[in-house]
PDB file of N, CA and C in Angstrom:
ATOM      1  N   MET A   1     108.171 136.975  93.909  1.00  0.00           N
ATOM      2  CA  MET A   1     107.668 137.699  95.050  1.00  0.00           C
ATOM      3  C   MET A   1     108.058 137.052  96.367  1.00  0.00           C
ATOM      4  N   TYR A   2     108.007 135.703  96.436  1.00  0.00           N
ATOM      5  CA  TYR A   2     108.289 135.007  97.686  1.00  0.00           C
ATOM      6  C   TYR A   2     109.658 134.336  97.707  1.00  0.00           C
ATOM      7  N   GLU A   3     110.465 134.539  96.686  1.00  0.00           N
ATOM      8  CA  GLU A   3     111.755 133.838  96.636  1.00  0.00           C
ATOM      9  C   GLU A   3     112.697 134.203  97.774  1.00  0.00           C
ATOM     10  N   ASN A   4     112.597 135.389  98.345  1.00  0.00           N
ATOM     11  CA  ASN A   4     113.462 135.786  99.459  1.00  0.00           C
ATOM     12  C   ASN A   4     112.745 135.748 100.808  1.00  0.00           C
ATOM     13  N   TYR A   5     111.647 135.023 100.859  1.00  0.00           N
ATOM     14  CA  TYR A   5     110.838 134.992 102.072  1.00  0.00           C
ATOM     15  C   TYR A   5     111.646 134.529 103.284  1.00  0.00           C
ATOM     16  N   ASP A   6     112.410 133.435 103.152  1.00  0.00           N
ATOM     17  CA  ASP A   6     113.199 132.905 104.270  1.00  0.00           C
ATOM     18  C   ASP A   6     114.264 133.876 104.740  1.00  0.00           C
ATOM     19  N   ALA A   7     114.745 134.707 103.870  1.00  0.00           N
ATOM     20  CA  ALA A   7     115.793 135.661 104.238  1.00  0.00           C
ATOM     21  C   ALA A   7     115.279 136.702 105.221  1.00  0.00           C
ATOM     22  N   ASN A   8     113.975 136.899 105.256  1.00  0.00           N
ATOM     23  CA  ASN A   8     113.393 137.896 106.145  1.00  0.00           C
ATOM     24  C   ASN A   8     113.047 137.355 107.520  1.00  0.00           C
ATOM     25  N   ILE A   9     113.172 136.054 107.712  1.00  0.00           N
ATOM     26  CA  ILE A   9     112.850 135.452 109.000  1.00  0.00           C
ATOM     27  C   ILE A   9     114.053 135.605 109.930  1.00  0.00           C
ATOM     28  N   ASN A  10     113.795 136.034 111.148  1.00  0.00           N
ATOM     29  CA  ASN A  10     114.855 136.176 112.144  1.00  0.00           C
ATOM     30  C   ASN A  10     115.496 134.815 112.396  1.00  0.00           C
ATOM     31  N   PRO A  11     116.820 134.706 112.314  1.00  0.00           N
ATOM     32  CA  PRO A  11     117.495 133.421 112.509  1.00  0.00           C
ATOM     33  C   PRO A  11     117.212 132.789 113.866  1.00  0.00           C
ATOM     34  N   MET A  12     116.843 133.592 114.863  1.00  0.00           N
ATOM     35  CA  MET A  12     116.559 133.049 116.185  1.00  0.00           C
ATOM     36  C   MET A  12     115.391 132.066 116.131  1.00  0.00           C
ATOM     37  N   TYR A  13     114.471 132.229 115.165  1.00  0.00           N
ATOM     38  CA  TYR A  13     113.297 131.389 115.080  1.00  0.00           C
ATOM     39  C   TYR A  13     113.533 130.113 114.282  1.00  0.00           C
ATOM     40  N   ARG A  14     114.629 130.017 113.594  1.00  0.00           N
ATOM     41  CA  ARG A  14     114.886 128.857 112.753  1.00  0.00           C
ATOM     42  C   ARG A  14     115.334 127.676 113.604  1.00  0.00           C
ATOM     43  N   GLN A  15     114.788 126.509 113.284  1.00  0.00           N
ATOM     44  CA  GLN A  15     115.161 125.293 113.985  1.00  0.00           C
ATOM     45  C   GLN A  15     116.541 124.844 113.521  1.00  0.00           C
ATOM     46  N   ARG A  16     117.376 124.424 114.457  1.00  0.00           N
ATOM     47  CA  ARG A  16     118.738 124.002 114.116  1.00  0.00           C
ATOM     48  C   ARG A  16     118.943 122.508 114.328  1.00  0.00           C
ATOM     49  N   ILE A  17     118.321 121.927 115.371  1.00  0.00           N
ATOM     50  CA  ILE A  17     118.509 120.505 115.616  1.00  0.00           C
ATOM     51  C   ILE A  17     117.187 119.789 115.336  1.00  0.00           C
ATOM     52  N   SER A  18     117.284 118.511 114.997  1.00  0.00           N
ATOM     53  CA  SER A  18     116.088 117.730 114.701  1.00  0.00           C
ATOM     54  C   SER A  18     115.456 117.216 115.998  1.00  0.00           C
ATOM     55  N   MET A  19     114.243 116.744 115.886  1.00  0.00           N
ATOM     56  CA  MET A  19     113.566 116.161 117.035  1.00  0.00           C
ATOM     57  C   MET A  19     114.339 114.937 117.541  1.00  0.00           C
ATOM     58  N   GLN A  20     114.879 114.138 116.618  1.00  0.00           N
ATOM     59  CA  GLN A  20     115.653 112.966 117.007  1.00  0.00           C
ATOM     60  C   GLN A  20     116.916 113.361 117.782  1.00  0.00           C
ATOM     61  N   GLN A  21     117.578 114.416 117.346  1.00  0.00           N
ATOM     62  CA  GLN A  21     118.770 114.887 118.059  1.00  0.00           C
ATOM     63  C   GLN A  21     118.397 115.367 119.464  1.00  0.00           C
ATOM     64  N   ALA A  22     117.286 116.076 119.582  1.00  0.00           N
ATOM     65  CA  ALA A  22     116.837 116.549 120.891  1.00  0.00           C
ATOM     66  C   ALA A  22     116.530 115.368 121.807  1.00  0.00           C
ATOM     67  N   GLN A  23     115.908 114.336 121.270  1.00  0.00           N
ATOM     68  CA  GLN A  23     115.605 113.144 122.068  1.00  0.00           C
ATOM     69  C   GLN A  23     116.880 112.466 122.546  1.00  0.00           C
ATOM     70  N   GLN A  24     117.876 112.357 121.680  1.00  0.00           N
ATOM     71  CA  GLN A  24     119.151 111.746 122.065  1.00  0.00           C
ATOM     72  C   GLN A  24     119.823 112.535 123.181  1.00  0.00           C
ATOM     73  N   ILE A  25     119.796 113.850 123.080  1.00  0.00           N
ATOM     74  CA  ILE A  25     120.394 114.702 124.106  1.00  0.00           C
ATOM     75  C   ILE A  25     119.681 114.495 125.437  1.00  0.00           C
ATOM     76  N   ALA A  26     118.342 114.466 125.401  1.00  0.00           N
ATOM     77  CA  ALA A  26     117.562 114.278 126.629  1.00  0.00           C
ATOM     78  C   ALA A  26     117.836 112.921 127.261  1.00  0.00           C
ATOM     79  N   LEU A  27     117.903 111.870 126.441  1.00  0.00           N
ATOM     80  CA  LEU A  27     118.128 110.520 126.970  1.00  0.00           C
ATOM     81  C   LEU A  27     119.535 110.334 127.521  1.00  0.00           C
ATOM     82  N   GLN A  28     120.494 111.088 127.025  1.00  0.00           N
ATOM     83  CA  GLN A  28     121.847 111.025 127.591  1.00  0.00           C
ATOM     84  C   GLN A  28     121.846 111.549 129.018  1.00  0.00           C
ATOM     85  N   ARG A  29     120.985 112.516 129.294  1.00  0.00           N
ATOM     86  CA  ARG A  29     120.910 113.136 130.615  1.00  0.00           C
ATOM     87  C   ARG A  29     119.969 112.382 131.556  1.00  0.00           C
ATOM     88  N   ILE A  30     118.802 111.961 131.020  1.00  0.00           N
ATOM     89  CA  ILE A  30     117.799 111.232 131.791  1.00  0.00           C
ATOM     90  C   ILE A  30     117.461 109.951 131.018  1.00  0.00           C
ATOM     91  N   PRO A  31     118.117 108.842 131.348  1.00  0.00           N
ATOM     92  CA  PRO A  31     117.821 107.587 130.640  1.00  0.00           C
ATOM     93  C   PRO A  31     116.395 107.121 130.943  1.00  0.00           C
ATOM     94  N   GLY A  32     115.743 106.554 129.940  1.00  0.00           N
ATOM     95  CA  GLY A  32     114.400 106.035 130.122  1.00  0.00           C
ATOM     96  C   GLY A  32     113.673 105.919 128.804  1.00  0.00           C
ATOM     97  N   GLN A  33     112.345 105.927 128.884  1.00  0.00           N
ATOM     98  CA  GLN A  33     111.477 105.807 127.718  1.00  0.00           C
ATOM     99  C   GLN A  33     110.806 107.144 127.448  1.00  0.00           C
ATOM    100  N   ILE A  34     110.907 107.598 126.213  1.00  0.00           N
ATOM    101  CA  ILE A  34     110.267 108.862 125.842  1.00  0.00           C
ATOM    102  C   ILE A  34     108.765 108.634 125.723  1.00  0.00           C
ATOM    103  N   LEU A  35     108.009 109.437 126.455  1.00  0.00           N
ATOM    104  CA  LEU A  35     106.557 109.353 126.433  1.00  0.00           C
ATOM    105  C   LEU A  35     105.938 110.308 125.434  1.00  0.00           C
ATOM    106  N   HIS A  36     106.525 111.511 125.335  1.00  0.00           N
ATOM    107  CA  HIS A  36     105.905 112.551 124.508  1.00  0.00           C
ATOM    108  C   HIS A  36     106.934 113.634 124.190  1.00  0.00           C
ATOM    109  N   VAL A  37     106.830 114.207 122.995  1.00  0.00           N
ATOM    110  CA  VAL A  37     107.697 115.317 122.592  1.00  0.00           C
ATOM    111  C   VAL A  37     106.823 116.424 122.012  1.00  0.00           C
ATOM    112  N   ASP A  38     107.043 117.641 122.494  1.00  0.00           N
ATOM    113  CA  ASP A  38     106.373 118.829 121.971  1.00  0.00           C
ATOM    114  C   ASP A  38     107.428 119.824 121.529  1.00  0.00           C
ATOM    115  N   MET A  39     107.030 120.735 120.659  1.00  0.00           N
ATOM    116  CA  MET A  39     107.885 121.860 120.329  1.00  0.00           C
ATOM    117  C   MET A  39     107.071 123.123 120.558  1.00  0.00           C
ATOM    118  N   GLU A  40     107.595 124.010 121.378  1.00  0.00           N
ATOM    119  CA  GLU A  40     106.878 125.215 121.787  1.00  0.00           C
ATOM    120  C   GLU A  40     107.744 126.438 121.507  1.00  0.00           C
ATOM    121  N   MET A  41     107.106 127.582 121.468  1.00  0.00           N
ATOM    122  CA  MET A  41     107.818 128.853 121.393  1.00  0.00           C
ATOM    123  C   MET A  41     107.787 129.454 122.792  1.00  0.00           C
ATOM    124  N   GLU A  42     108.962 129.626 123.398  1.00  0.00           N
ATOM    125  CA  GLU A  42     109.075 130.201 124.734  1.00  0.00           C
ATOM    126  C   GLU A  42     110.040 131.369 124.695  1.00  0.00           C
ATOM    127  N   ASP A  43     109.565 132.529 125.077  1.00  0.00           N
ATOM    128  CA  ASP A  43     110.384 133.747 125.089  1.00  0.00           C
ATOM    129  C   ASP A  43     111.072 133.974 123.746  1.00  0.00           C
ATOM    130  N   GLY A  44     110.348 133.713 122.644  1.00  0.00           N
ATOM    131  CA  GLY A  44     110.889 133.940 121.313  1.00  0.00           C
ATOM    132  C   GLY A  44     111.878 132.893 120.838  1.00  0.00           C
ATOM    133  N   MET A  45     111.927 131.739 121.525  1.00  0.00           N
ATOM    134  CA  MET A  45     112.889 130.699 121.170  1.00  0.00           C
ATOM    135  C   MET A  45     112.155 129.365 121.026  1.00  0.00           C
ATOM    136  N   LEU A  46     112.504 128.592 119.991  1.00  0.00           N
ATOM    137  CA  LEU A  46     111.942 127.263 119.824  1.00  0.00           C
ATOM    138  C   LEU A  46     112.540 126.325 120.862  1.00  0.00           C
ATOM    139  N   VAL A  47     111.668 125.590 121.556  1.00  0.00           N
ATOM    140  CA  VAL A  47     112.100 124.698 122.627  1.00  0.00           C
ATOM    141  C   VAL A  47     111.411 123.347 122.467  1.00  0.00           C
ATOM    142  N   TYR A  48     112.206 122.264 122.524  1.00  0.00           N
ATOM    143  CA  TYR A  48     111.638 120.919 122.589  1.00  0.00           C
ATOM    144  C   TYR A  48     111.330 120.610 124.046  1.00  0.00           C
ATOM    145  N   GLU A  49     110.142 120.070 124.289  1.00  0.00           N
ATOM    146  CA  GLU A  49     109.767 119.588 125.616  1.00  0.00           C
ATOM    147  C   GLU A  49     109.644 118.076 125.500  1.00  0.00           C
ATOM    148  N   ILE A  50     110.532 117.370 126.187  1.00  0.00           N
ATOM    149  CA  ILE A  50     110.596 115.920 126.063  1.00  0.00           C
ATOM    150  C   ILE A  50     110.270 115.314 127.423  1.00  0.00           C
ATOM    151  N   PHE A  51     109.265 114.440 127.443  1.00  0.00           N
ATOM    152  CA  PHE A  51     108.831 113.788 128.673  1.00  0.00           C
ATOM    153  C   PHE A  51     109.366 112.360 128.674  1.00  0.00           C
ATOM    154  N   ILE A  52     110.084 112.006 129.744  1.00  0.00           N
ATOM    155  CA  ILE A  52     110.767 110.719 129.838  1.00  0.00           C
ATOM    156  C   ILE A  52     110.301 109.986 131.091  1.00  0.00           C
ATOM    157  N   LEU A  53     109.968 108.694 130.932  1.00  0.00           N
ATOM    158  CA  LEU A  53     109.648 107.816 132.054  1.00  0.00           C
ATOM    159  C   LEU A  53     110.894 107.017 132.389  1.00  0.00           C
ATOM    160  N   THR A  54     111.383 107.134 133.632  1.00  0.00           N
ATOM    161  CA  THR A  54     112.595 106.422 134.047  1.00  0.00           C
ATOM    162  C   THR A  54     112.255 105.023 134.553  1.00  0.00           C
ATOM    163  N   SER A  55     113.276 104.218 134.762  1.00  0.00           N
ATOM    164  CA  SER A  55     113.077 102.860 135.282  1.00  0.00           C
ATOM    165  C   SER A  55     112.564 102.882 136.725  1.00  0.00           C
ATOM    166  N   GLN A  56     112.697 104.017 137.415  1.00  0.00           N
ATOM    167  CA  GLN A  56     112.156 104.179 138.769  1.00  0.00           C
ATOM    168  C   GLN A  56     110.702 104.660 138.737  1.00  0.00           C
ATOM    169  N   ASN A  57     110.097 104.641 137.550  1.00  0.00           N
ATOM    170  CA  ASN A  57     108.699 105.041 137.353  1.00  0.00           C
ATOM    171  C   ASN A  57     108.463 106.513 137.667  1.00  0.00           C
ATOM    172  N   ARG A  58     109.453 107.348 137.385  1.00  0.00           N
ATOM    173  CA  ARG A  58     109.329 108.799 137.539  1.00  0.00           C
ATOM    174  C   ARG A  58     109.301 109.428 136.158  1.00  0.00           C
ATOM    175  N   ILE A  59     108.587 110.536 136.050  1.00  0.00           N
ATOM    176  CA  ILE A  59     108.515 111.253 134.780  1.00  0.00           C
ATOM    177  C   ILE A  59     109.267 112.568 134.921  1.00  0.00           C
ATOM    178  N   TYR A  60     110.134 112.834 133.933  1.00  0.00           N
ATOM    179  CA  TYR A  60     110.887 114.082 133.884  1.00  0.00           C
ATOM    180  C   TYR A  60     110.559 114.792 132.582  1.00  0.00           C
ATOM    181  N   GLU A  61     110.506 116.118 132.667  1.00  0.00           N
ATOM    182  CA  GLU A  61     110.393 116.962 131.480  1.00  0.00           C
ATOM    183  C   GLU A  61     111.759 117.595 131.244  1.00  0.00           C
ATOM    184  N   VAL A  62     112.292 117.401 130.049  1.00  0.00           N
ATOM    185  CA  VAL A  62     113.572 117.987 129.675  1.00  0.00           C
ATOM    186  C   VAL A  62     113.294 118.998 128.568  1.00  0.00           C
ATOM    187  N   GLU A  63     113.682 120.252 128.802  1.00  0.00           N
ATOM    188  CA  GLU A  63     113.519 121.286 127.783  1.00  0.00           C
ATOM    189  C   GLU A  63     114.866 121.525 127.111  1.00  0.00           C
ATOM    190  N   ILE A  64     114.848 121.503 125.778  1.00  0.00           N
ATOM    191  CA  ILE A  64     116.070 121.629 124.991  1.00  0.00           C
ATOM    192  C   ILE A  64     115.879 122.711 123.938  1.00  0.00           C
ATOM    193  N   SER A  65     116.870 123.572 123.811  1.00  0.00           N
ATOM    194  CA  SER A  65     116.835 124.620 122.795  1.00  0.00           C
ATOM    195  C   SER A  65     116.815 123.985 121.408  1.00  0.00           C
ATOM    196  N   GLY A  66     115.836 124.372 120.599  1.00  0.00           N
ATOM    197  CA  GLY A  66     115.749 123.865 119.231  1.00  0.00           C
ATOM    198  C   GLY A  66     116.831 124.425 118.332  1.00  0.00           C
ATOM    199  N   ARG A  67     117.473 125.474 118.760  1.00  0.00           N
ATOM    200  CA  ARG A  67     118.514 126.111 117.953  1.00  0.00           C
ATOM    201  C   ARG A  67     119.901 125.572 118.283  1.00  0.00           C
ATOM    202  N   THR A  68     120.194 125.397 119.579  1.00  0.00           N
ATOM    203  CA  THR A  68     121.552 125.026 119.967  1.00  0.00           C
ATOM    204  C   THR A  68     121.682 123.593 120.476  1.00  0.00           C
ATOM    205  N   GLY A  69     120.558 122.993 120.920  1.00  0.00           N
ATOM    206  CA  GLY A  69     120.629 121.666 121.515  1.00  0.00           C
ATOM    207  C   GLY A  69     121.000 121.694 122.984  1.00  0.00           C
ATOM    208  N   ARG A  70     121.091 122.879 123.553  1.00  0.00           N
ATOM    209  CA  ARG A  70     121.455 123.021 124.971  1.00  0.00           C
ATOM    210  C   ARG A  70     120.249 122.684 125.847  1.00  0.00           C
ATOM    211  N   ILE A  71     120.501 121.942 126.938  1.00  0.00           N
ATOM    212  CA  ILE A  71     119.450 121.644 127.896  1.00  0.00           C
ATOM    213  C   ILE A  71     119.147 122.910 128.683  1.00  0.00           C
ATOM    214  N   LEU A  72     117.881 123.322 128.666  1.00  0.00           N
ATOM    215  CA  LEU A  72     117.463 124.550 129.336  1.00  0.00           C
ATOM    216  C   LEU A  72     116.910 124.277 130.729  1.00  0.00           C
ATOM    217  N   LYS A  73     116.243 123.125 130.872  1.00  0.00           N
ATOM    218  CA  LYS A  73     115.611 122.827 132.159  1.00  0.00           C
ATOM    219  C   LYS A  73     115.326 121.337 132.247  1.00  0.00           C
ATOM    220  N   ILE A  74     115.476 120.788 133.456  1.00  0.00           N
ATOM    221  CA  ILE A  74     115.042 119.429 133.753  1.00  0.00           C
ATOM    222  C   ILE A  74     114.146 119.538 134.971  1.00  0.00           C
ATOM    223  N   GLU A  75     112.939 118.986 134.830  1.00  0.00           N
ATOM    224  CA  GLU A  75     111.967 119.127 135.920  1.00  0.00           C
ATOM    225  C   GLU A  75     111.278 117.790 136.140  1.00  0.00           C
ATOM    226  N   LYS A  76     111.223 117.361 137.399  1.00  0.00           N
ATOM    227  CA  LYS A  76     110.509 116.140 137.763  1.00  0.00           C
ATOM    228  C   LYS A  76     109.026 116.464 137.836  1.00  0.00           C
ATOM    229  N   GLU A  77     108.229 115.657 137.139  1.00  0.00           N
ATOM    230  CA  GLU A  77     106.785 115.848 137.154  1.00  0.00           C
ATOM    231  C   GLU A  77     106.213 115.161 138.391  1.00  0.00           C
ATOM    232  N   ASN A  78     105.164 115.741 138.955  1.00  0.00           N
ATOM    233  CA  ASN A  78     104.583 115.212 140.186  1.00  0.00           C
ATOM    234  C   ASN A  78     103.565 114.104 139.956  1.00  0.00           C
ATOM    235  N   ASP A  79     103.005 114.035 138.767  1.00  0.00           N
ATOM    236  CA  ASP A  79     102.003 113.013 138.482  1.00  0.00           C
ATOM    237  C   ASP A  79     102.025 112.667 137.006  1.00  0.00           C
ATOM    238  N   PHE A  80     101.115 111.836 136.587  1.00  0.00           N
ATOM    239  CA  PHE A  80     101.045 111.371 135.212  1.00  0.00           C
ATOM    240  C   PHE A  80     100.072 112.202 134.395  1.00  0.00           C
ATOM    241  N   ASP A  81     100.200 113.518 134.400  1.00  0.00           N
ATOM    242  CA  ASP A  81      99.302 114.412 133.640  1.00  0.00           C
ATOM    243  C   ASP A  81      99.400 114.107 132.180  1.00  0.00           C
TER     244      ASP A  81
END
């Protein structure tokens, strides 16, 4: 009954890159220390949200597509929320 369950899932929702790969991509763009990683569904797409503390004591949020590994957004955070 459930043997073809995965075949019915839209490929857009399937994760393609690992959390470690997403972290490496983010750190290549914004060097620093990773504080936190989330995975969210945004506009029907899996997105990694990676928060990085830089050596200048700034926090950046880097959003990366969970399917392609493409950086979607880089945003400087205003405080330590």
